[in-house]
């Protein structure tokens, strides 16, 4: 009976630790709405119809950025491959924001 109680207690502890870790990971990510632009144009390129300009600037070596809708903050994208195909589009980006950059986990067209 004591073994069963100890096994049950250990299982509860493990499940509690998993819940705490997953909650902490979820708290780190946030979702921002905005336009995928480039570092040359920044907020000026954050509008519908600027897809071709954004692609041209990125081909010339500009860095990919996300310009937020709420405050027009320009966030550098740590992993631009995650937004490949969304150049110039209005998207909801989920990821970890650190200072003036974002590590993208996922993106959804708006």
PDB file of N, CA and C in Angstrom:
ATOM      1  N   UNK A   1       0.819  -1.188   0.000  1.00  0.00           N
ATOM      2  CA  UNK A   1       0.000   0.000   0.000  1.00  0.00           C
ATOM      3  C   UNK A   1       0.869   1.262   0.000  1.00  0.00           C
ATOM      4  N   UNK A   2       1.996   1.231   0.761  1.00  0.00           N
ATOM      5  CA  UNK A   2       2.885   2.380   0.814  1.00  0.00           C
ATOM      6  C   UNK A   2       3.523   2.627  -0.547  1.00  0.00           C
ATOM      7  N   UNK A   3       3.866   1.548  -1.285  1.00  0.00           N
ATOM      8  CA  UNK A   3       4.458   1.692  -2.614  1.00  0.00           C
ATOM      9  C   UNK A   3       3.486   2.384  -3.562  1.00  0.00           C
ATOM     10  N   UNK A   4       2.244   1.994  -3.506  1.00  0.00           N
ATOM     11  CA  UNK A   4       1.223   2.586  -4.361  1.00  0.00           C
ATOM     12  C   UNK A   4       1.052   4.067  -4.046  1.00  0.00           C
ATOM     13  N   UNK A   5       1.070   4.421  -2.796  1.00  0.00           N
ATOM     14  CA  UNK A   5       0.962   5.818  -2.384  1.00  0.00           C
ATOM     15  C   UNK A   5       2.164   6.625  -2.869  1.00  0.00           C
ATOM     16  N   UNK A   6       3.358   6.080  -2.741  1.00  0.00           N
ATOM     17  CA  UNK A   6       4.565   6.772  -3.205  1.00  0.00           C
ATOM     18  C   UNK A   6       4.568   6.931  -4.718  1.00  0.00           C
ATOM     19  N   UNK A   7       4.128   5.919  -5.436  1.00  0.00           N
ATOM     20  CA  UNK A   7       4.064   6.016  -6.897  1.00  0.00           C
ATOM     21  C   UNK A   7       3.056   7.082  -7.303  1.00  0.00           C
ATOM     22  N   UNK A   8       1.909   7.115  -6.645  1.00  0.00           N
ATOM     23  CA  UNK A   8       0.900   8.136  -6.925  1.00  0.00           C
ATOM     24  C   UNK A   8       1.411   9.535  -6.638  1.00  0.00           C
ATOM     25  N   UNK A   9       2.129   9.705  -5.542  1.00  0.00           N
ATOM     26  CA  UNK A   9       2.699  11.002  -5.183  1.00  0.00           C
ATOM     27  C   UNK A   9       3.753  11.439  -6.203  1.00  0.00           C
ATOM     28  N   UNK A  10       4.603  10.512  -6.617  1.00  0.00           N
ATOM     29  CA  UNK A  10       5.629  10.822  -7.617  1.00  0.00           C
ATOM     30  C   UNK A  10       4.985  11.213  -8.944  1.00  0.00           C
ATOM     31  N   UNK A  11       3.945  10.511  -9.336  1.00  0.00           N
ATOM     32  CA  UNK A  11       3.253  10.832 -10.583  1.00  0.00           C
ATOM     33  C   UNK A  11       2.621  12.216 -10.521  1.00  0.00           C
ATOM     34  N   UNK A  12       2.030  12.558  -9.402  1.00  0.00           N
ATOM     35  CA  UNK A  12       1.456  13.897  -9.227  1.00  0.00           C
ATOM     36  C   UNK A  12       2.524  14.985  -9.321  1.00  0.00           C
ATOM     37  N   UNK A  13       3.684  14.742  -8.743  1.00  0.00           N
ATOM     38  CA  UNK A  13       4.781  15.716  -8.798  1.00  0.00           C
ATOM     39  C   UNK A  13       5.251  15.924 -10.239  1.00  0.00           C
ATOM     40  N   UNK A  14       5.387  14.839 -10.978  1.00  0.00           N
ATOM     41  CA  UNK A  14       5.825  14.938 -12.367  1.00  0.00           C
ATOM     42  C   UNK A  14       4.810  15.708 -13.197  1.00  0.00           C
ATOM     43  N   UNK A  15       3.539  15.410 -13.039  1.00  0.00           N
ATOM     44  CA  UNK A  15       2.499  16.118 -13.782  1.00  0.00           C
ATOM     45  C   UNK A  15       2.452  17.591 -13.415  1.00  0.00           C
ATOM     46  N   UNK A  16       2.673  17.923 -12.158  1.00  0.00           N
ATOM     47  CA  UNK A  16       2.687  19.309 -11.730  1.00  0.00           C
ATOM     48  C   UNK A  16       3.866  20.055 -12.362  1.00  0.00           C
ATOM     49  N   UNK A  17       5.019  19.417 -12.433  1.00  0.00           N
ATOM     50  CA  UNK A  17       6.191  20.048 -13.050  1.00  0.00           C
ATOM     51  C   UNK A  17       5.954  20.288 -14.540  1.00  0.00           C
ATOM     52  N   UNK A  18       5.344  19.344 -15.225  1.00  0.00           N
ATOM     53  CA  UNK A  18       5.040  19.505 -16.645  1.00  0.00           C
ATOM     54  C   UNK A  18       4.077  20.667 -16.851  1.00  0.00           C
ATOM     55  N   UNK A  19       3.086  20.794 -16.004  1.00  0.00           N
ATOM     56  CA  UNK A  19       2.122  21.888 -16.115  1.00  0.00           C
ATOM     57  C   UNK A  19       2.795  23.240 -15.913  1.00  0.00           C
ATOM     58  N   UNK A  20       3.693  23.342 -14.954  1.00  0.00           N
ATOM     59  CA  UNK A  20       4.395  24.596 -14.686  1.00  0.00           C
ATOM     60  C   UNK A  20       5.293  24.968 -15.862  1.00  0.00           C
ATOM     61  N   UNK A  21       5.995  24.008 -16.415  1.00  0.00           N
ATOM     62  CA  UNK A  21       6.889  24.271 -17.547  1.00  0.00           C
ATOM     63  C   UNK A  21       6.098  24.705 -18.771  1.00  0.00           C
ATOM     64  N   UNK A  22       4.993  24.039 -19.062  1.00  0.00           N
ATOM     65  CA  UNK A  22       4.199  24.418 -20.232  1.00  0.00           C
ATOM     66  C   UNK A  22       3.543  25.781 -20.043  1.00  0.00           C
ATOM     67  N   UNK A  23       3.146  26.121 -18.851  1.00  0.00           N
ATOM     68  CA  UNK A  23       2.569  27.442 -18.584  1.00  0.00           C
ATOM     69  C   UNK A  23       3.618  28.528 -18.761  1.00  0.00           C
ATOM     70  N   UNK A  24       4.833  28.268 -18.337  1.00  0.00           N
ATOM     71  CA  UNK A  24       5.916  29.248 -18.502  1.00  0.00           C
ATOM     72  C   UNK A  24       6.240  29.442 -19.973  1.00  0.00           C
ATOM     73  N   UNK A  25       6.238  28.382 -20.744  1.00  0.00           N
ATOM     74  CA  UNK A  25       6.520  28.482 -22.174  1.00  0.00           C
ATOM     75  C   UNK A  25       5.422  29.264 -22.885  1.00  0.00           C
ATOM     76  N   UNK A  26       4.176  29.051 -22.506  1.00  0.00           N
ATOM     77  CA  UNK A  26       3.069  29.779 -23.115  1.00  0.00           C
ATOM     78  C   UNK A  26       3.111  31.256 -22.757  1.00  0.00           C
ATOM     79  N   UNK A  27       3.592  31.593 -21.587  1.00  0.00           N
ATOM     80  CA  UNK A  27       3.663  32.988 -21.165  1.00  0.00           C
ATOM     81  C   UNK A  27       4.724  33.748 -21.941  1.00  0.00           C
ATOM     82  N   UNK A  28       5.731  33.066 -22.454  1.00  0.00           N
ATOM     83  CA  UNK A  28       6.797  33.716 -23.206  1.00  0.00           C
ATOM     84  C   UNK A  28       6.353  34.172 -24.588  1.00  0.00           C
ATOM     85  N   UNK A  29       5.398  33.498 -25.201  1.00  0.00           N
ATOM     86  CA  UNK A  29       5.004  33.849 -26.552  1.00  0.00           C
ATOM     87  C   UNK A  29       3.840  34.829 -26.539  1.00  0.00           C
ATOM     88  N   UNK A  30       3.806  35.670 -27.555  1.00  0.00           N
ATOM     89  CA  UNK A  30       2.717  36.619 -27.707  1.00  0.00           C
ATOM     90  C   UNK A  30       2.391  36.737 -29.190  1.00  0.00           C
ATOM     91  N   UNK A  31       1.236  37.288 -29.482  1.00  0.00           N
ATOM     92  CA  UNK A  31       0.805  37.461 -30.864  1.00  0.00           C
ATOM     93  C   UNK A  31       0.692  38.943 -31.167  1.00  0.00           C
ATOM     94  N   UNK A  32       1.315  39.349 -32.272  1.00  0.00           N
ATOM     95  CA  UNK A  32       1.225  40.731 -32.725  1.00  0.00           C
ATOM     96  C   UNK A  32       0.656  40.733 -34.141  1.00  0.00           C
ATOM     97  N   UNK A  33      -0.197  41.705 -34.414  1.00  0.00           N
ATOM     98  CA  UNK A  33      -0.728  41.897 -35.758  1.00  0.00           C
ATOM     99  C   UNK A  33       0.067  43.001 -36.424  1.00  0.00           C
ATOM    100  N   UNK A  34       0.397  42.804 -37.691  1.00  0.00           N
ATOM    101  CA  UNK A  34       1.129  43.833 -38.405  1.00  0.00           C
ATOM    102  C   UNK A  34       1.490  43.393 -39.805  1.00  0.00           C
ATOM    103  N   UNK A  35       2.293  44.214 -40.464  1.00  0.00           N
ATOM    104  CA  UNK A  35       2.733  43.944 -41.828  1.00  0.00           C
ATOM    105  C   UNK A  35       4.167  43.449 -41.827  1.00  0.00           C
ATOM    106  N   UNK A  36       4.448  42.506 -42.707  1.00  0.00           N
ATOM    107  CA  UNK A  36       5.821  42.047 -42.921  1.00  0.00           C
ATOM    108  C   UNK A  36       6.440  43.041 -43.888  1.00  0.00           C
ATOM    109  N   UNK A  37       7.492  43.699 -43.452  1.00  0.00           N
ATOM    110  CA  UNK A  37       8.148  44.722 -44.245  1.00  0.00           C
ATOM    111  C   UNK A  37       9.646  44.442 -44.263  1.00  0.00           C
ATOM    112  N   UNK A  38      10.416  45.438 -44.671  1.00  0.00           N
ATOM    113  CA  UNK A  38      11.877  45.298 -44.707  1.00  0.00           C
ATOM    114  C   UNK A  38      12.514  46.434 -43.924  1.00  0.00           C
ATOM    115  N   UNK A  39      13.778  46.250 -43.578  1.00  0.00           N
ATOM    116  CA  UNK A  39      14.463  47.232 -42.732  1.00  0.00           C
ATOM    117  C   UNK A  39      14.725  48.554 -43.442  1.00  0.00           C
ATOM    118  N   UNK A  40      14.734  48.576 -44.774  1.00  0.00           N
ATOM    119  CA  UNK A  40      14.956  49.832 -45.498  1.00  0.00           C
ATOM    120  C   UNK A  40      13.720  50.732 -45.438  1.00  0.00           C
ATOM    121  N   UNK A  41      12.554  50.152 -45.667  1.00  0.00           N
ATOM    122  CA  UNK A  41      11.311  50.933 -45.670  1.00  0.00           C
ATOM    123  C   UNK A  41      10.688  51.035 -44.288  1.00  0.00           C
ATOM    124  N   UNK A  42      10.827  49.995 -43.485  1.00  0.00           N
ATOM    125  CA  UNK A  42      10.270  50.004 -42.132  1.00  0.00           C
ATOM    126  C   UNK A  42       8.787  50.254 -42.138  1.00  0.00           C
ATOM    127  N   UNK A  43       8.340  51.227 -41.356  1.00  0.00           N
ATOM    128  CA  UNK A  43       6.915  51.512 -41.211  1.00  0.00           C
ATOM    129  C   UNK A  43       6.313  52.092 -42.484  1.00  0.00           C
ATOM    130  N   UNK A  44       7.129  52.729 -43.341  1.00  0.00           N
ATOM    131  CA  UNK A  44       6.606  53.276 -44.597  1.00  0.00           C
ATOM    132  C   UNK A  44       6.114  52.167 -45.523  1.00  0.00           C
ATOM    133  N   UNK A  45       6.712  50.981 -45.415  1.00  0.00           N
ATOM    134  CA  UNK A  45       6.321  49.863 -46.259  1.00  0.00           C
ATOM    135  C   UNK A  45       5.256  48.982 -45.650  1.00  0.00           C
ATOM    136  N   UNK A  46       4.694  49.409 -44.539  1.00  0.00           N
ATOM    137  CA  UNK A  46       3.706  48.601 -43.825  1.00  0.00           C
ATOM    138  C   UNK A  46       2.301  48.976 -44.266  1.00  0.00           C
ATOM    139  N   UNK A  47       1.961  48.602 -45.490  1.00  0.00           N
ATOM    140  CA  UNK A  47       0.635  48.884 -46.016  1.00  0.00           C
ATOM    141  C   UNK A  47       0.336  47.906 -47.143  1.00  0.00           C
ATOM    142  N   UNK A  48      -0.930  47.733 -47.418  1.00  0.00           N
ATOM    143  CA  UNK A  48      -1.323  46.853 -48.521  1.00  0.00           C
ATOM    144  C   UNK A  48      -0.781  47.416 -49.831  1.00  0.00           C
ATOM    145  N   UNK A  49      -0.365  46.551 -50.725  1.00  0.00           N
ATOM    146  CA  UNK A  49       0.141  46.971 -52.023  1.00  0.00           C
ATOM    147  C   UNK A  49       1.644  47.172 -52.084  1.00  0.00           C
ATOM    148  N   UNK A  50       2.355  46.911 -51.009  1.00  0.00           N
ATOM    149  CA  UNK A  50       3.809  47.096 -50.982  1.00  0.00           C
ATOM    150  C   UNK A  50       4.571  45.773 -51.073  1.00  0.00           C
ATOM    151  N   UNK A  51       3.896  44.714 -51.540  1.00  0.00           N
ATOM    152  CA  UNK A  51       4.530  43.402 -51.586  1.00  0.00           C
ATOM    153  C   UNK A  51       5.766  43.404 -52.486  1.00  0.00           C
ATOM    154  N   UNK A  52       5.638  43.980 -53.694  1.00  0.00           N
ATOM    155  CA  UNK A  52       6.742  43.968 -54.659  1.00  0.00           C
ATOM    156  C   UNK A  52       7.937  44.760 -54.137  1.00  0.00           C
ATOM    157  N   UNK A  53       7.677  45.902 -53.530  1.00  0.00           N
ATOM    158  CA  UNK A  53       8.755  46.728 -52.984  1.00  0.00           C
ATOM    159  C   UNK A  53       9.473  46.001 -51.853  1.00  0.00           C
ATOM    160  N   UNK A  54       8.699  45.362 -50.978  1.00  0.00           N
ATOM    161  CA  UNK A  54       9.287  44.618 -49.865  1.00  0.00           C
ATOM    162  C   UNK A  54      10.180  43.497 -50.377  1.00  0.00           C
ATOM    163  N   UNK A  55       9.696  42.744 -51.366  1.00  0.00           N
ATOM    164  CA  UNK A  55      10.483  41.645 -51.926  1.00  0.00           C
ATOM    165  C   UNK A  55      11.761  42.164 -52.579  1.00  0.00           C
ATOM    166  N   UNK A  56      11.676  43.303 -53.286  1.00  0.00           N
ATOM    167  CA  UNK A  56      12.844  43.874 -53.950  1.00  0.00           C
ATOM    168  C   UNK A  56      13.892  44.297 -52.919  1.00  0.00           C
ATOM    169  N   UNK A  57      13.456  44.948 -51.847  1.00  0.00           N
ATOM    170  CA  UNK A  57      14.399  45.395 -50.818  1.00  0.00           C
ATOM    171  C   UNK A  57      15.033  44.209 -50.093  1.00  0.00           C
ATOM    172  N   UNK A  58      14.246  43.155 -49.839  1.00  0.00           N
ATOM    173  CA  UNK A  58      14.803  41.971 -49.192  1.00  0.00           C
ATOM    174  C   UNK A  58      15.832  41.296 -50.088  1.00  0.00           C
ATOM    175  N   UNK A  59      15.583  41.290 -51.401  1.00  0.00           N
ATOM    176  CA  UNK A  59      16.547  40.716 -52.345  1.00  0.00           C
ATOM    177  C   UNK A  59      17.850  41.515 -52.384  1.00  0.00           C
ATOM    178  N   UNK A  60      17.760  42.817 -52.093  1.00  0.00           N
ATOM    179  CA  UNK A  60      18.946  43.680 -52.069  1.00  0.00           C
ATOM    180  C   UNK A  60      19.730  43.586 -50.766  1.00  0.00           C
ATOM    181  N   UNK A  61      19.213  42.791 -49.799  1.00  0.00           N
ATOM    182  CA  UNK A  61      19.954  42.600 -48.554  1.00  0.00           C
ATOM    183  C   UNK A  61      19.333  43.207 -47.318  1.00  0.00           C
ATOM    184  N   UNK A  62      18.176  43.818 -47.455  1.00  0.00           N
ATOM    185  CA  UNK A  62      17.502  44.364 -46.272  1.00  0.00           C
ATOM    186  C   UNK A  62      17.049  43.218 -45.376  1.00  0.00           C
ATOM    187  N   UNK A  63      16.868  43.499 -44.117  1.00  0.00           N
ATOM    188  CA  UNK A  63      16.418  42.505 -43.148  1.00  0.00           C
ATOM    189  C   UNK A  63      14.893  42.523 -43.076  1.00  0.00           C
ATOM    190  N   UNK A  64      14.294  41.360 -42.804  1.00  0.00           N
ATOM    191  CA  UNK A  64      12.851  41.263 -42.667  1.00  0.00           C
ATOM    192  C   UNK A  64      12.435  41.786 -41.296  1.00  0.00           C
ATOM    193  N   UNK A  65      11.347  42.573 -41.275  1.00  0.00           N
ATOM    194  CA  UNK A  65      10.815  43.127 -40.030  1.00  0.00           C
ATOM    195  C   UNK A  65       9.301  42.965 -40.019  1.00  0.00           C
ATOM    196  N   UNK A  66       8.728  43.074 -38.846  1.00  0.00           N
ATOM    197  CA  UNK A  66       7.274  43.134 -38.680  1.00  0.00           C
ATOM    198  C   UNK A  66       6.957  44.487 -38.065  1.00  0.00           C
ATOM    199  N   UNK A  67       6.057  45.230 -38.706  1.00  0.00           N
ATOM    200  CA  UNK A  67       5.633  46.532 -38.193  1.00  0.00           C
ATOM    201  C   UNK A  67       4.262  46.335 -37.562  1.00  0.00           C
ATOM    202  N   UNK A  68       4.184  46.549 -36.251  1.00  0.00           N
ATOM    203  CA  UNK A  68       2.951  46.270 -35.515  1.00  0.00           C
ATOM    204  C   UNK A  68       1.858  47.283 -35.860  1.00  0.00           C
ATOM    205  N   UNK A  69       0.619  46.811 -35.860  1.00  0.00           N
ATOM    206  CA  UNK A  69      -0.517  47.682 -36.143  1.00  0.00           C
ATOM    207  C   UNK A  69      -0.760  48.678 -35.017  1.00  0.00           C
ATOM    208  N   UNK A  70      -0.617  48.234 -33.788  1.00  0.00           N
ATOM    209  CA  UNK A  70      -1.010  49.041 -32.638  1.00  0.00           C
ATOM    210  C   UNK A  70      -0.164  50.297 -32.461  1.00  0.00           C
ATOM    211  N   UNK A  71       1.147  50.169 -32.515  1.00  0.00           N
ATOM    212  CA  UNK A  71       2.000  51.330 -32.248  1.00  0.00           C
ATOM    213  C   UNK A  71       3.076  51.563 -33.307  1.00  0.00           C
ATOM    214  N   UNK A  72       2.967  50.853 -34.445  1.00  0.00           N
ATOM    215  CA  UNK A  72       3.924  50.978 -35.562  1.00  0.00           C
ATOM    216  C   UNK A  72       5.359  50.685 -35.131  1.00  0.00           C
ATOM    217  N   UNK A  73       5.515  49.812 -34.136  1.00  0.00           N
ATOM    218  CA  UNK A  73       6.836  49.405 -33.679  1.00  0.00           C
ATOM    219  C   UNK A  73       7.437  48.453 -34.704  1.00  0.00           C
ATOM    220  N   UNK A  74       8.708  48.647 -35.027  1.00  0.00           N
ATOM    221  CA  UNK A  74       9.405  47.811 -36.007  1.00  0.00           C
ATOM    222  C   UNK A  74      10.180  46.738 -35.250  1.00  0.00           C
ATOM    223  N   UNK A  75       9.789  45.474 -35.468  1.00  0.00           N
ATOM    224  CA  UNK A  75      10.433  44.338 -34.807  1.00  0.00           C
ATOM    225  C   UNK A  75      11.256  43.557 -35.828  1.00  0.00           C
ATOM    226  N   UNK A  76      12.550  43.460 -35.599  1.00  0.00           N
ATOM    227  CA  UNK A  76      13.408  42.657 -36.470  1.00  0.00           C
ATOM    228  C   UNK A  76      13.050  41.184 -36.295  1.00  0.00           C
ATOM    229  N   UNK A  77      13.035  40.442 -37.379  1.00  0.00           N
ATOM    230  CA  UNK A  77      12.674  39.022 -37.336  1.00  0.00           C
ATOM    231  C   UNK A  77      13.953  38.193 -37.204  1.00  0.00           C
ATOM    232  N   UNK A  78      14.053  37.427 -36.109  1.00  0.00           N
ATOM    233  CA  UNK A  78      15.236  36.593 -35.858  1.00  0.00           C
ATOM    234  C   UNK A  78      15.358  35.444 -36.849  1.00  0.00           C
ATOM    235  N   UNK A  79      14.239  34.893 -37.255  1.00  0.00           N
ATOM    236  CA  UNK A  79      14.234  33.741 -38.156  1.00  0.00           C
ATOM    237  C   UNK A  79      13.349  34.046 -39.372  1.00  0.00           C
ATOM    238  N   UNK A  80      13.882  34.798 -40.353  1.00  0.00           N
ATOM    239  CA  UNK A  80      13.063  35.246 -41.481  1.00  0.00           C
ATOM    240  C   UNK A  80      12.479  34.118 -42.330  1.00  0.00           C
ATOM    241  N   UNK A  81      13.070  32.937 -42.290  1.00  0.00           N
ATOM    242  CA  UNK A  81      12.518  31.819 -43.071  1.00  0.00           C
ATOM    243  C   UNK A  81      11.111  31.462 -42.613  1.00  0.00           C
ATOM    244  N   UNK A  82      10.772  31.755 -41.369  1.00  0.00           N
ATOM    245  CA  UNK A  82       9.438  31.455 -40.838  1.00  0.00           C
ATOM    246  C   UNK A  82       8.353  32.313 -41.504  1.00  0.00           C
ATOM    247  N   UNK A  83       8.747  33.453 -42.079  1.00  0.00           N
ATOM    248  CA  UNK A  83       7.783  34.339 -42.737  1.00  0.00           C
ATOM    249  C   UNK A  83       7.933  34.340 -44.251  1.00  0.00           C
ATOM    250  N   UNK A  84       8.703  33.402 -44.778  1.00  0.00           N
ATOM    251  CA  UNK A  84       8.896  33.312 -46.221  1.00  0.00           C
ATOM    252  C   UNK A  84       7.540  33.116 -46.897  1.00  0.00           C
ATOM    253  N   UNK A  85       7.269  33.906 -47.907  1.00  0.00           N
ATOM    254  CA  UNK A  85       5.988  33.865 -48.601  1.00  0.00           C
ATOM    255  C   UNK A  85       4.987  34.873 -48.076  1.00  0.00           C
ATOM    256  N   UNK A  86       5.293  35.530 -46.962  1.00  0.00           N
ATOM    257  CA  UNK A  86       4.391  36.526 -46.378  1.00  0.00           C
ATOM    258  C   UNK A  86       4.915  37.950 -46.572  1.00  0.00           C
ATOM    259  N   UNK A  87       5.913  38.137 -47.413  1.00  0.00           N
ATOM    260  CA  UNK A  87       6.500  39.461 -47.619  1.00  0.00           C
ATOM    261  C   UNK A  87       5.430  40.456 -48.055  1.00  0.00           C
ATOM    262  N   UNK A  88       5.297  41.549 -47.309  1.00  0.00           N
ATOM    263  CA  UNK A  88       4.335  42.592 -47.627  1.00  0.00           C
ATOM    264  C   UNK A  88       2.912  42.300 -47.186  1.00  0.00           C
ATOM    265  N   UNK A  89       2.675  41.174 -46.563  1.00  0.00           N
ATOM    266  CA  UNK A  89       1.318  40.794 -46.168  1.00  0.00           C
ATOM    267  C   UNK A  89       0.980  41.263 -44.753  1.00  0.00           C
ATOM    268  N   UNK A  90      -0.321  41.373 -44.495  1.00  0.00           N
ATOM    269  CA  UNK A  90      -0.830  41.692 -43.164  1.00  0.00           C
ATOM    270  C   UNK A  90      -1.042  40.372 -42.445  1.00  0.00           C
ATOM    271  N   UNK A  91      -0.350  40.163 -41.329  1.00  0.00           N
ATOM    272  CA  UNK A  91      -0.343  38.865 -40.659  1.00  0.00           C
ATOM    273  C   UNK A  91      -0.498  39.011 -39.143  1.00  0.00           C
ATOM    274  N   UNK A  92      -0.865  37.896 -38.522  1.00  0.00           N
ATOM    275  CA  UNK A  92      -0.818  37.756 -37.068  1.00  0.00           C
ATOM    276  C   UNK A  92       0.360  36.851 -36.784  1.00  0.00           C
ATOM    277  N   UNK A  93       1.375  37.379 -36.130  1.00  0.00           N
ATOM    278  CA  UNK A  93       2.609  36.644 -35.867  1.00  0.00           C
ATOM    279  C   UNK A  93       2.651  36.255 -34.395  1.00  0.00           C
ATOM    280  N   UNK A  94       2.845  34.976 -34.152  1.00  0.00           N
ATOM    281  CA  UNK A  94       2.988  34.478 -32.788  1.00  0.00           C
ATOM    282  C   UNK A  94       4.445  34.104 -32.575  1.00  0.00           C
ATOM    283  N   UNK A  95       5.016  34.587 -31.475  1.00  0.00           N
ATOM    284  CA  UNK A  95       6.407  34.297 -31.179  1.00  0.00           C
ATOM    285  C   UNK A  95       6.851  35.003 -29.918  1.00  0.00           C
ATOM    286  N   UNK A  96       8.142  34.933 -29.672  1.00  0.00           N
ATOM    287  CA  UNK A  96       8.713  35.543 -28.475  1.00  0.00           C
ATOM    288  C   UNK A  96       9.320  36.898 -28.839  1.00  0.00           C
ATOM    289  N   UNK A  97       8.775  37.948 -28.239  1.00  0.00           N
ATOM    290  CA  UNK A  97       9.282  39.299 -28.461  1.00  0.00           C
ATOM    291  C   UNK A  97      10.325  39.602 -27.399  1.00  0.00           C
ATOM    292  N   UNK A  98      11.516  39.995 -27.853  1.00  0.00           N
ATOM    293  CA  UNK A  98      12.604  40.368 -26.956  1.00  0.00           C
ATOM    294  C   UNK A  98      13.139  41.716 -27.419  1.00  0.00           C
ATOM    295  N   UNK A  99      12.831  42.761 -26.672  1.00  0.00           N
ATOM    296  CA  UNK A  99      13.285  44.097 -27.057  1.00  0.00           C
ATOM    297  C   UNK A  99      12.653  44.512 -28.375  1.00  0.00           C
ATOM    298  N   UNK A 100      13.510  44.754 -29.378  1.00  0.00           N
ATOM    299  CA  UNK A 100      13.040  45.175 -30.700  1.00  0.00           C
ATOM    300  C   UNK A 100      13.128  44.056 -31.722  1.00  0.00           C
ATOM    301  N   UNK A 101      13.036  42.807 -31.275  1.00  0.00           N
ATOM    302  CA  UNK A 101      13.068  41.688 -32.216  1.00  0.00           C
ATOM    303  C   UNK A 101      12.031  40.646 -31.819  1.00  0.00           C
ATOM    304  N   UNK A 102      11.724  39.780 -32.774  1.00  0.00           N
ATOM    305  CA  UNK A 102      10.751  38.722 -32.542  1.00  0.00           C
ATOM    306  C   UNK A 102      11.276  37.433 -33.160  1.00  0.00           C
ATOM    307  N   UNK A 103      11.137  36.335 -32.417  1.00  0.00           N
ATOM    308  CA  UNK A 103      11.437  34.994 -32.925  1.00  0.00           C
ATOM    309  C   UNK A 103      10.082  34.386 -33.273  1.00  0.00           C
ATOM    310  N   UNK A 104       9.824  34.176 -34.544  1.00  0.00           N
ATOM    311  CA  UNK A 104       8.512  33.761 -35.029  1.00  0.00           C
ATOM    312  C   UNK A 104       8.309  32.267 -34.843  1.00  0.00           C
ATOM    313  N   UNK A 105       7.184  31.914 -34.188  1.00  0.00           N
ATOM    314  CA  UNK A 105       6.774  30.521 -34.072  1.00  0.00           C
ATOM    315  C   UNK A 105       5.778  30.172 -35.172  1.00  0.00           C
ATOM    316  N   UNK A 106       4.848  31.101 -35.460  1.00  0.00           N
ATOM    317  CA  UNK A 106       3.866  30.861 -36.514  1.00  0.00           C
ATOM    318  C   UNK A 106       3.328  32.190 -37.016  1.00  0.00           C
ATOM    319  N   UNK A 107       2.726  32.144 -38.201  1.00  0.00           N
ATOM    320  CA  UNK A 107       2.115  33.345 -38.787  1.00  0.00           C
ATOM    321  C   UNK A 107       0.833  32.939 -39.491  1.00  0.00           C
ATOM    322  N   UNK A 108      -0.147  33.840 -39.423  1.00  0.00           N
ATOM    323  CA  UNK A 108      -1.442  33.595 -40.052  1.00  0.00           C
ATOM    324  C   UNK A 108      -1.852  34.857 -40.781  1.00  0.00           C
ATOM    325  N   UNK A 109      -2.288  34.714 -42.036  1.00  0.00           N
ATOM    326  CA  UNK A 109      -2.742  35.849 -42.823  1.00  0.00           C
ATOM    327  C   UNK A 109      -3.996  36.472 -42.202  1.00  0.00           C
ATOM    328  N   UNK A 110      -4.060  37.781 -42.250  1.00  0.00           N
ATOM    329  CA  UNK A 110      -5.249  38.497 -41.761  1.00  0.00           C
ATOM    330  C   UNK A 110      -6.029  39.052 -42.937  1.00  0.00           C
TER     331      UNK A 110
END
